Amino acid sequence: MQSAHLDLVVANDVSRGGMGTDDNRVIIIDRQGRRTEAAGKKSLIAEAIIDALLEAL
């Protein structure tokens, strides 16, 4: 991630639905390799991603 100058990677778990539904599950990985899972309504997941980005910066 550092060589690509990435602060976060968000991986969408499509094996459990997500496409065409209101709910989803993602894994957020920060520059230090810490993993955070977020699941539920897509609006709540978006908030979790924004929170992780703010923390990373």
C-alpha atoms as a PDB file:
ATOM      1  CA  MET A   1       0.000   0.000   0.000  1.00  0.00           C
ATOM      2  CA  GLN A   2       2.810   2.392   0.787  1.00  0.00           C
ATOM      3  CA  SER A   3       4.533   1.943  -2.564  1.00  0.00           C
ATOM      4  CA  ALA A   4       1.204   2.679  -4.270  1.00  0.00           C
ATOM      5  CA  HIS A   5       0.670   5.698  -1.959  1.00  0.00           C
ATOM      6  CA  LEU A   6      -2.659   4.346  -0.695  1.00  0.00           C
ATOM      7  CA  ASP A   7      -4.152   5.402   2.626  1.00  0.00           C
ATOM      8  CA  LEU A   8      -6.990   2.846   2.591  1.00  0.00           C
ATOM      9  CA  VAL A   9      -8.239  -0.126   0.657  1.00  0.00           C
ATOM     10  CA  VAL A  10     -11.913  -1.045   0.849  1.00  0.00           C
ATOM     11  CA  ALA A  11     -12.759  -4.599  -0.164  1.00  0.00           C
ATOM     12  CA  ASN A  12     -16.397  -5.319  -0.967  1.00  0.00           C
ATOM     13  CA  ASP A  13     -17.505  -8.832   0.050  1.00  0.00           C
ATOM     14  CA  VAL A  14     -19.809  -9.744  -2.837  1.00  0.00           C
ATOM     15  CA  SER A  15     -20.093 -13.372  -1.736  1.00  0.00           C
ATOM     16  CA  ARG A  16     -22.800 -12.415   0.774  1.00  0.00           C
ATOM     17  CA  GLY A  17     -25.119 -10.361  -1.390  1.00  0.00           C
ATOM     18  CA  GLY A  18     -24.552  -6.642  -1.537  1.00  0.00           C
ATOM     19  CA  MET A  19     -25.365  -6.253  -5.204  1.00  0.00           C
ATOM     20  CA  GLY A  20     -28.930  -5.057  -5.654  1.00  0.00           C
ATOM     21  CA  THR A  21     -29.617  -4.912  -1.898  1.00  0.00           C
ATOM     22  CA  ASP A  22     -29.594  -2.197   0.745  1.00  0.00           C
ATOM     23  CA  ASP A  23     -27.119  -4.112   2.910  1.00  0.00           C
ATOM     24  CA  ASN A  24     -23.490  -4.863   2.298  1.00  0.00           C
ATOM     25  CA  ARG A  25     -20.257  -5.948   3.996  1.00  0.00           C
ATOM     26  CA  VAL A  26     -16.797  -4.482   3.452  1.00  0.00           C
ATOM     27  CA  ILE A  27     -13.341  -4.795   4.936  1.00  0.00           C
ATOM     28  CA  ILE A  28     -11.375  -1.574   5.366  1.00  0.00           C
ATOM     29  CA  ILE A  29      -7.589  -1.967   5.474  1.00  0.00           C
ATOM     30  CA  ASP A  30      -5.437   0.972   6.499  1.00  0.00           C
ATOM     31  CA  ARG A  31      -1.808   1.750   5.726  1.00  0.00           C
ATOM     32  CA  GLN A  32      -0.623  -0.071   8.870  1.00  0.00           C
ATOM     33  CA  GLY A  33      -2.509  -3.216   7.837  1.00  0.00           C
ATOM     34  CA  ARG A  34      -5.285  -2.855  10.417  1.00  0.00           C
ATOM     35  CA  ARG A  35      -8.526  -4.414   9.245  1.00  0.00           C
ATOM     36  CA  THR A  36     -11.966  -3.115  10.140  1.00  0.00           C
ATOM     37  CA  GLU A  37     -15.174  -4.781   9.059  1.00  0.00           C
ATOM     38  CA  ALA A  38     -18.304  -2.778   8.385  1.00  0.00           C
ATOM     39  CA  ALA A  39     -21.658  -4.380   7.664  1.00  0.00           C
ATOM     40  CA  GLY A  40     -25.218  -3.183   7.333  1.00  0.00           C
ATOM     41  CA  LYS A  41     -26.947  -0.463   5.389  1.00  0.00           C
ATOM     42  CA  LYS A  42     -24.797   1.016   2.652  1.00  0.00           C
ATOM     43  CA  SER A  43     -25.196   4.507   4.137  1.00  0.00           C
ATOM     44  CA  LEU A  44     -23.684   3.260   7.421  1.00  0.00           C
ATOM     45  CA  ILE A  45     -20.833   1.605   5.547  1.00  0.00           C
ATOM     46  CA  ALA A  46     -20.157   4.881   3.736  1.00  0.00           C
ATOM     47  CA  GLU A  47     -19.906   6.625   7.124  1.00  0.00           C
ATOM     48  CA  ALA A  48     -17.452   3.951   8.340  1.00  0.00           C
ATOM     49  CA  ILE A  49     -15.291   4.481   5.251  1.00  0.00           C
ATOM     50  CA  ILE A  50     -15.298   8.261   5.754  1.00  0.00           C
ATOM     51  CA  ASP A  51     -14.428   7.823   9.440  1.00  0.00           C
ATOM     52  CA  ALA A  52     -11.530   5.507   8.543  1.00  0.00           C
ATOM     53  CA  LEU A  53     -10.280   7.985   5.936  1.00  0.00           C
ATOM     54  CA  LEU A  54     -10.422  10.881   8.397  1.00  0.00           C
ATOM     55  CA  GLU A  55      -8.508   8.805  10.942  1.00  0.00           C
ATOM     56  CA  ALA A  56      -5.894   7.869   8.336  1.00  0.00           C
ATOM     57  CA  LEU A  57      -5.287  11.473   7.369  1.00  0.00           C
END
